[in-house]
Amino acid sequence: MSTAAAEPAPASPEIERTPSLQEVIGGLGDIPLSRILARPAPGTATEADLLAANQGKTRICELVDGVLVEKGMGIRESLLASAIIALLRAYVVPRKLGLVTGEAGTMKLFPGLIRVPDVAFLPGERLPGGRVPSEPIPSVVPELAIEVLSESNTRAEMRRKRQDYFRSGVNSVWEVDPRTRTVAVYEQADHPVQVHQQDETIEGRGTLLGFRLLLADLFAELDQTF
């Protein structure tokens, strides 16, 4: 007696909703696969996983869409970031305007979205109680976020970052390009207000009104000899 073949069991909702790796990479801005941590599986990472990944300080990761994404940095990028931090602190600290953070300053912009700007300025009114946060990943939003571009950063990735920053309440984003020696200043995600050349000066806005960054001095850091 013949019997009908059994109907295959329907896929679970979890499997049906699982995006492909290509979709994951596309959502992150088509970044190199080498910057995506395989463990935990992309789409399942948590804040605890991020803390564990960043604990050794051999790499700095962000948490985006449940994926641990390693930030692309190098010595030139780090040098420019540290120079900007020093210049900002020289202006901010004596005036008690707020905090200047560096390339390990994790910030929870939204639940499940943790960014690590290379440099950021947080005025006192954006700090809980006007104090330095004690949590390793505080829920704070900077007034100014600065990203120093590396070779592995894609245009789509940086656009996604700007969207995240402005959606969370960041006022201004600066993108520093070591290769062209320019700084693009954004006040919205898509189009820069201005792209400053290395012989120009950027003037701060908002809480940083009065701060001036001479790009010739900044990019001269890359030409040092010893």
C-alpha atoms as a PDB file:
ATOM      1  CA  MET A   1       0.000   0.000   0.000  1.00  0.00           C
ATOM      2  CA  SER A   2       1.460   3.297  -1.067  1.00  0.00           C
ATOM      3  CA  THR A   3       1.583   6.185   1.315  1.00  0.00           C
ATOM      4  CA  ALA A   4       1.873   9.891   0.555  1.00  0.00           C
ATOM      5  CA  ALA A   5       5.160  11.523   1.383  1.00  0.00           C
ATOM      6  CA  ALA A   6       5.043  13.484   4.595  1.00  0.00           C
ATOM      7  CA  GLU A   7       4.823  17.260   4.227  1.00  0.00           C
ATOM      8  CA  PRO A   8       8.081  18.953   5.288  1.00  0.00           C
ATOM      9  CA  ALA A   9       7.821  20.843   8.522  1.00  0.00           C
ATOM     10  CA  PRO A  10       7.578  24.611   8.026  1.00  0.00           C
ATOM     11  CA  ALA A  11      10.664  26.630   8.853  1.00  0.00           C
ATOM     12  CA  SER A  12      10.618  28.195  12.256  1.00  0.00           C
ATOM     13  CA  PRO A  13       9.926  31.957  12.406  1.00  0.00           C
ATOM     14  CA  GLU A  14      13.454  32.442  13.748  1.00  0.00           C
ATOM     15  CA  ILE A  15      14.998  30.815  10.663  1.00  0.00           C
ATOM     16  CA  GLU A  16      12.703  32.701   8.280  1.00  0.00           C
ATOM     17  CA  ARG A  17      13.748  36.017   9.825  1.00  0.00           C
ATOM     18  CA  THR A  18      17.482  35.282   9.794  1.00  0.00           C
ATOM     19  CA  PRO A  19      19.199  37.624   7.310  1.00  0.00           C
ATOM     20  CA  SER A  20      21.906  36.383   5.008  1.00  0.00           C
ATOM     21  CA  LEU A  21      25.513  37.373   5.613  1.00  0.00           C
ATOM     22  CA  GLN A  22      25.328  39.558   2.512  1.00  0.00           C
ATOM     23  CA  GLU A  23      22.330  41.384   3.979  1.00  0.00           C
ATOM     24  CA  VAL A  24      24.174  41.851   7.268  1.00  0.00           C
ATOM     25  CA  ILE A  25      27.205  43.311   5.507  1.00  0.00           C
ATOM     26  CA  GLY A  26      24.967  45.561   3.424  1.00  0.00           C
ATOM     27  CA  GLY A  27      23.213  46.870   6.515  1.00  0.00           C
ATOM     28  CA  LEU A  28      26.576  47.750   8.020  1.00  0.00           C
ATOM     29  CA  GLY A  29      27.619  49.704   4.939  1.00  0.00           C
ATOM     30  CA  ASP A  30      29.401  47.010   2.904  1.00  0.00           C
ATOM     31  CA  ILE A  31      32.377  46.968   5.241  1.00  0.00           C
ATOM     32  CA  PRO A  32      35.159  44.381   4.816  1.00  0.00           C
ATOM     33  CA  LEU A  33      34.223  40.979   6.181  1.00  0.00           C
ATOM     34  CA  SER A  34      37.442  40.995   8.213  1.00  0.00           C
ATOM     35  CA  ARG A  35      35.960  43.659  10.507  1.00  0.00           C
ATOM     36  CA  ILE A  36      32.929  41.553  11.460  1.00  0.00           C
ATOM     37  CA  LEU A  37      33.471  39.245  14.434  1.00  0.00           C
ATOM     38  CA  ALA A  38      32.182  35.735  13.809  1.00  0.00           C
ATOM     39  CA  ARG A  39      31.580  34.988  17.501  1.00  0.00           C
ATOM     40  CA  PRO A  40      28.998  35.472  18.710  1.00  0.00           C
ATOM     41  CA  ALA A  41      27.112  34.868  15.503  1.00  0.00           C
ATOM     42  CA  PRO A  42      26.264  38.112  13.691  1.00  0.00           C
ATOM     43  CA  GLY A  43      22.840  39.308  14.799  1.00  0.00           C
ATOM     44  CA  THR A  44      23.080  37.779  18.287  1.00  0.00           C
ATOM     45  CA  ALA A  45      25.723  39.922  20.014  1.00  0.00           C
ATOM     46  CA  THR A  46      24.872  41.781  23.218  1.00  0.00           C
ATOM     47  CA  GLU A  47      26.378  44.538  25.350  1.00  0.00           C
ATOM     48  CA  ALA A  48      28.074  41.865  27.459  1.00  0.00           C
ATOM     49  CA  ASP A  49      29.690  40.462  24.323  1.00  0.00           C
ATOM     50  CA  LEU A  50      30.903  43.938  23.392  1.00  0.00           C
ATOM     51  CA  LEU A  51      32.480  44.464  26.800  1.00  0.00           C
ATOM     52  CA  ALA A  52      34.231  41.100  26.538  1.00  0.00           C
ATOM     53  CA  ALA A  53      35.500  41.857  23.023  1.00  0.00           C
ATOM     54  CA  ASN A  54      36.883  45.247  24.063  1.00  0.00           C
ATOM     55  CA  GLN A  55      38.365  44.065  27.337  1.00  0.00           C
ATOM     56  CA  GLY A  56      41.781  43.175  25.942  1.00  0.00           C
ATOM     57  CA  LYS A  57      42.202  46.606  24.280  1.00  0.00           C
ATOM     58  CA  THR A  58      43.792  44.897  21.268  1.00  0.00           C
ATOM     59  CA  ARG A  59      40.797  46.026  19.236  1.00  0.00           C
ATOM     60  CA  ILE A  60      37.828  48.322  19.668  1.00  0.00           C
ATOM     61  CA  CYS A  61      34.416  47.134  18.533  1.00  0.00           C
ATOM     62  CA  GLU A  62      31.002  48.714  18.148  1.00  0.00           C
ATOM     63  CA  LEU A  63      27.640  46.972  18.503  1.00  0.00           C
ATOM     64  CA  VAL A  64      25.376  47.476  15.498  1.00  0.00           C
ATOM     65  CA  ASP A  65      22.300  45.379  14.676  1.00  0.00           C
ATOM     66  CA  GLY A  66      23.484  42.628  17.005  1.00  0.00           C
ATOM     67  CA  VAL A  67      26.862  42.486  15.248  1.00  0.00           C
ATOM     68  CA  LEU A  68      30.283  43.201  16.749  1.00  0.00           C
ATOM     69  CA  VAL A  69      32.063  45.450  14.266  1.00  0.00           C
ATOM     70  CA  GLU A  70      35.752  46.182  14.699  1.00  0.00           C
ATOM     71  CA  LYS A  71      36.712  49.807  14.155  1.00  0.00           C
ATOM     72  CA  GLY A  72      39.318  50.363  11.491  1.00  0.00           C
ATOM     73  CA  MET A  73      42.236  52.344  12.879  1.00  0.00           C
ATOM     74  CA  GLY A  74      45.941  52.770  12.252  1.00  0.00           C
ATOM     75  CA  ILE A  75      48.807  54.799  13.619  1.00  0.00           C
ATOM     76  CA  ARG A  76      48.089  57.830  11.409  1.00  0.00           C
ATOM     77  CA  GLU A  77      44.425  57.822  12.339  1.00  0.00           C
ATOM     78  CA  SER A  78      45.251  57.420  16.024  1.00  0.00           C
ATOM     79  CA  LEU A  79      47.810  60.227  15.833  1.00  0.00           C
ATOM     80  CA  LEU A  80      45.284  62.663  14.383  1.00  0.00           C
ATOM     81  CA  ALA A  81      42.631  61.634  16.900  1.00  0.00           C
ATOM     82  CA  SER A  82      44.996  62.151  19.833  1.00  0.00           C
ATOM     83  CA  ALA A  83      46.030  65.566  18.471  1.00  0.00           C
ATOM     84  CA  ILE A  84      42.393  66.660  18.203  1.00  0.00           C
ATOM     85  CA  ILE A  85      41.743  65.434  21.746  1.00  0.00           C
ATOM     86  CA  ALA A  86      44.662  67.490  23.056  1.00  0.00           C
ATOM     87  CA  LEU A  87      43.489  70.618  21.238  1.00  0.00           C
ATOM     88  CA  LEU A  88      39.891  70.192  22.358  1.00  0.00           C
ATOM     89  CA  ARG A  89      40.896  69.556  25.965  1.00  0.00           C
ATOM     90  CA  ALA A  90      43.054  72.684  25.969  1.00  0.00           C
ATOM     91  CA  TYR A  91      39.884  74.638  25.213  1.00  0.00           C
ATOM     92  CA  VAL A  92      37.272  72.626  27.122  1.00  0.00           C
ATOM     93  CA  VAL A  93      38.975  71.820  30.434  1.00  0.00           C
ATOM     94  CA  PRO A  94      39.872  75.353  31.630  1.00  0.00           C
ATOM     95  CA  ARG A  95      36.313  76.470  30.865  1.00  0.00           C
ATOM     96  CA  LYS A  96      34.716  73.416  32.510  1.00  0.00           C
ATOM     97  CA  LEU A  97      32.551  72.867  29.442  1.00  0.00           C
ATOM     98  CA  GLY A  98      32.322  69.079  29.620  1.00  0.00           C
ATOM     99  CA  LEU A  99      34.180  65.929  28.600  1.00  0.00           C
ATOM    100  CA  VAL A 100      36.362  65.047  25.629  1.00  0.00           C
ATOM    101  CA  THR A 101      36.548  61.307  24.983  1.00  0.00           C
ATOM    102  CA  GLY A 102      38.801  59.215  22.757  1.00  0.00           C
ATOM    103  CA  GLU A 103      38.734  56.093  20.646  1.00  0.00           C
ATOM    104  CA  ALA A 104      37.683  53.803  23.514  1.00  0.00           C
ATOM    105  CA  GLY A 105      34.760  55.965  24.646  1.00  0.00           C
ATOM    106  CA  THR A 106      31.766  53.670  24.126  1.00  0.00           C
ATOM    107  CA  MET A 107      28.353  55.335  24.050  1.00  0.00           C
ATOM    108  CA  LYS A 108      24.921  53.737  23.901  1.00  0.00           C
ATOM    109  CA  LEU A 109      22.971  55.865  21.451  1.00  0.00           C
ATOM    110  CA  PHE A 110      19.945  53.559  21.456  1.00  0.00           C
ATOM    111  CA  PRO A 111      19.229  50.131  22.941  1.00  0.00           C
ATOM    112  CA  GLY A 112      21.361  47.724  20.926  1.00  0.00           C
ATOM    113  CA  LEU A 113      23.319  50.485  19.179  1.00  0.00           C
ATOM    114  CA  ILE A 114      26.698  51.320  20.695  1.00  0.00           C
ATOM    115  CA  ARG A 115      29.067  53.607  18.849  1.00  0.00           C
ATOM    116  CA  VAL A 116      32.657  54.564  19.652  1.00  0.00           C
ATOM    117  CA  PRO A 117      33.546  57.881  18.004  1.00  0.00           C
ATOM    118  CA  ASP A 118      37.265  58.456  17.611  1.00  0.00           C
ATOM    119  CA  VAL A 119      36.793  61.775  19.412  1.00  0.00           C
ATOM    120  CA  ALA A 120      33.679  63.180  21.045  1.00  0.00           C
ATOM    121  CA  PHE A 121      32.667  66.211  23.059  1.00  0.00           C
ATOM    122  CA  LEU A 122      29.924  65.943  25.667  1.00  0.00           C
ATOM    123  CA  PRO A 123      28.863  69.215  27.323  1.00  0.00           C
ATOM    124  CA  GLY A 124      28.012  69.094  30.998  1.00  0.00           C
ATOM    125  CA  GLU A 125      24.261  69.208  30.418  1.00  0.00           C
ATOM    126  CA  ARG A 126      24.446  65.953  28.461  1.00  0.00           C
ATOM    127  CA  LEU A 127      26.098  64.111  31.345  1.00  0.00           C
ATOM    128  CA  PRO A 128      23.890  62.464  33.990  1.00  0.00           C
ATOM    129  CA  GLY A 129      24.034  64.771  37.000  1.00  0.00           C
ATOM    130  CA  GLY A 130      26.796  66.721  35.286  1.00  0.00           C
ATOM    131  CA  ARG A 131      29.310  64.043  36.275  1.00  0.00           C
ATOM    132  CA  VAL A 132      31.588  61.554  34.559  1.00  0.00           C
ATOM    133  CA  PRO A 133      29.498  58.397  33.955  1.00  0.00           C
ATOM    134  CA  SER A 134      30.529  55.368  35.993  1.00  0.00           C
ATOM    135  CA  GLU A 135      29.057  52.756  33.654  1.00  0.00           C
ATOM    136  CA  PRO A 136      31.368  51.159  31.088  1.00  0.00           C
ATOM    137  CA  ILE A 137      28.759  51.856  28.391  1.00  0.00           C
ATOM    138  CA  PRO A 138      26.810  54.963  29.399  1.00  0.00           C
ATOM    139  CA  SER A 139      23.647  56.096  27.650  1.00  0.00           C
ATOM    140  CA  VAL A 140      24.979  59.473  26.535  1.00  0.00           C
ATOM    141  CA  VAL A 141      24.901  61.398  23.272  1.00  0.00           C
ATOM    142  CA  PRO A 142      27.747  63.762  22.356  1.00  0.00           C
ATOM    143  CA  GLU A 143      27.242  67.227  20.945  1.00  0.00           C
ATOM    144  CA  LEU A 144      30.139  66.649  18.559  1.00  0.00           C
ATOM    145  CA  ALA A 145      31.319  63.309  17.153  1.00  0.00           C
ATOM    146  CA  ILE A 146      34.560  63.100  15.179  1.00  0.00           C
ATOM    147  CA  GLU A 147      35.559  60.162  13.007  1.00  0.00           C
ATOM    148  CA  VAL A 148      39.043  59.807  11.509  1.00  0.00           C
ATOM    149  CA  LEU A 149      38.636  57.836   8.304  1.00  0.00           C
ATOM    150  CA  SER A 150      40.659  54.689   7.735  1.00  0.00           C
ATOM    151  CA  GLU A 151      41.159  52.780   4.494  1.00  0.00           C
ATOM    152  CA  SER A 152      38.580  50.177   5.512  1.00  0.00           C
ATOM    153  CA  ASN A 153      35.790  52.713   6.063  1.00  0.00           C
ATOM    154  CA  THR A 154      33.265  52.764   3.224  1.00  0.00           C
ATOM    155  CA  ARG A 155      31.044  55.642   2.168  1.00  0.00           C
ATOM    156  CA  ALA A 156      27.956  53.615   3.009  1.00  0.00           C
ATOM    157  CA  GLU A 157      29.327  52.791   6.458  1.00  0.00           C
ATOM    158  CA  MET A 158      30.026  56.440   7.236  1.00  0.00           C
ATOM    159  CA  ARG A 159      26.596  57.484   6.001  1.00  0.00           C
ATOM    160  CA  ARG A 160      25.028  54.897   8.320  1.00  0.00           C
ATOM    161  CA  LYS A 161      27.129  56.241  11.192  1.00  0.00           C
ATOM    162  CA  ARG A 162      26.025  59.795  10.497  1.00  0.00           C
ATOM    163  CA  GLN A 163      22.412  58.677  10.371  1.00  0.00           C
ATOM    164  CA  ASP A 164      22.812  56.993  13.751  1.00  0.00           C
ATOM    165  CA  TYR A 165      24.536  60.014  15.260  1.00  0.00           C
ATOM    166  CA  PHE A 166      21.999  62.573  14.099  1.00  0.00           C
ATOM    167  CA  ARG A 167      19.025  60.351  14.922  1.00  0.00           C
ATOM    168  CA  SER A 168      20.308  60.087  18.496  1.00  0.00           C
ATOM    169  CA  GLY A 169      20.720  63.862  18.900  1.00  0.00           C
ATOM    170  CA  VAL A 170      24.320  64.630  17.902  1.00  0.00           C
ATOM    171  CA  ASN A 171      24.581  68.217  16.635  1.00  0.00           C
ATOM    172  CA  SER A 172      27.650  67.965  14.422  1.00  0.00           C
ATOM    173  CA  VAL A 173      29.855  65.268  12.884  1.00  0.00           C
ATOM    174  CA  TRP A 174      33.374  65.898  11.603  1.00  0.00           C
ATOM    175  CA  GLU A 175      35.001  63.385   9.268  1.00  0.00           C
ATOM    176  CA  VAL A 176      38.774  63.745   9.123  1.00  0.00           C
ATOM    177  CA  ASP A 177      40.433  62.257   6.046  1.00  0.00           C
ATOM    178  CA  PRO A 178      44.203  61.720   6.486  1.00  0.00           C
ATOM    179  CA  ARG A 179      44.681  60.919   2.799  1.00  0.00           C
ATOM    180  CA  THR A 180      43.130  64.093   1.349  1.00  0.00           C
ATOM    181  CA  ARG A 181      43.954  66.141   4.459  1.00  0.00           C
ATOM    182  CA  THR A 182      40.440  67.508   4.601  1.00  0.00           C
ATOM    183  CA  VAL A 183      37.708  67.664   7.224  1.00  0.00           C
ATOM    184  CA  ALA A 184      34.047  67.406   6.214  1.00  0.00           C
ATOM    185  CA  VAL A 185      31.632  69.036   8.658  1.00  0.00           C
ATOM    186  CA  TYR A 186      28.105  67.599   8.744  1.00  0.00           C
ATOM    187  CA  GLU A 187      24.954  68.864  10.422  1.00  0.00           C
ATOM    188  CA  GLN A 188      22.789  66.284   8.670  1.00  0.00           C
ATOM    189  CA  ALA A 189      23.529  62.791   7.434  1.00  0.00           C
ATOM    190  CA  ASP A 190      23.704  63.299   3.682  1.00  0.00           C
ATOM    191  CA  HIS A 191      25.516  66.492   2.797  1.00  0.00           C
ATOM    192  CA  PRO A 192      28.399  68.273   4.527  1.00  0.00           C
ATOM    193  CA  VAL A 193      27.986  71.926   5.412  1.00  0.00           C
ATOM    194  CA  GLN A 194      31.541  72.417   4.234  1.00  0.00           C
ATOM    195  CA  VAL A 195      34.645  70.437   3.349  1.00  0.00           C
ATOM    196  CA  HIS A 196      37.625  72.230   4.861  1.00  0.00           C
ATOM    197  CA  GLN A 197      41.026  72.052   3.176  1.00  0.00           C
ATOM    198  CA  GLN A 198      44.266  71.731   5.116  1.00  0.00           C
ATOM    199  CA  ASP A 199      44.998  75.475   4.893  1.00  0.00           C
ATOM    200  CA  GLU A 200      41.657  76.385   6.498  1.00  0.00           C
ATOM    201  CA  THR A 201      40.340  76.708  10.041  1.00  0.00           C
ATOM    202  CA  ILE A 202      37.285  75.035  11.561  1.00  0.00           C
ATOM    203  CA  GLU A 203      35.379  77.106  14.097  1.00  0.00           C
ATOM    204  CA  GLY A 204      33.391  75.414  16.825  1.00  0.00           C
ATOM    205  CA  ARG A 205      29.656  75.846  17.226  1.00  0.00           C
ATOM    206  CA  GLY A 206      27.216  75.499  20.073  1.00  0.00           C
ATOM    207  CA  THR A 207      29.010  74.918  23.365  1.00  0.00           C
ATOM    208  CA  LEU A 208      32.323  75.015  21.492  1.00  0.00           C
ATOM    209  CA  LEU A 209      31.707  78.490  20.054  1.00  0.00           C
ATOM    210  CA  GLY A 210      35.110  80.167  20.142  1.00  0.00           C
ATOM    211  CA  PHE A 211      37.123  76.990  19.585  1.00  0.00           C
ATOM    212  CA  ARG A 212      39.282  77.097  16.455  1.00  0.00           C
ATOM    213  CA  LEU A 213      41.042  74.144  14.840  1.00  0.00           C
ATOM    214  CA  LEU A 214      43.838  75.082  12.440  1.00  0.00           C
ATOM    215  CA  LEU A 215      44.033  72.205  10.004  1.00  0.00           C
ATOM    216  CA  ALA A 216      47.566  73.075   8.923  1.00  0.00           C
ATOM    217  CA  ASP A 217      48.707  72.437  12.488  1.00  0.00           C
ATOM    218  CA  LEU A 218      46.637  69.274  12.755  1.00  0.00           C
ATOM    219  CA  PHE A 219      47.870  67.635   9.555  1.00  0.00           C
ATOM    220  CA  ALA A 220      51.445  68.719  10.265  1.00  0.00           C
ATOM    221  CA  GLU A 221      51.359  65.880  12.821  1.00  0.00           C
ATOM    222  CA  LEU A 222      51.687  63.508   9.859  1.00  0.00           C
ATOM    223  CA  ASP A 223      54.886  65.154   8.630  1.00  0.00           C
ATOM    224  CA  GLN A 224      56.943  64.908  11.807  1.00  0.00           C
ATOM    225  CA  THR A 225      60.548  63.735  11.582  1.00  0.00           C
ATOM    226  CA  PHE A 226      62.748  62.595  14.433  1.00  0.00           C
END
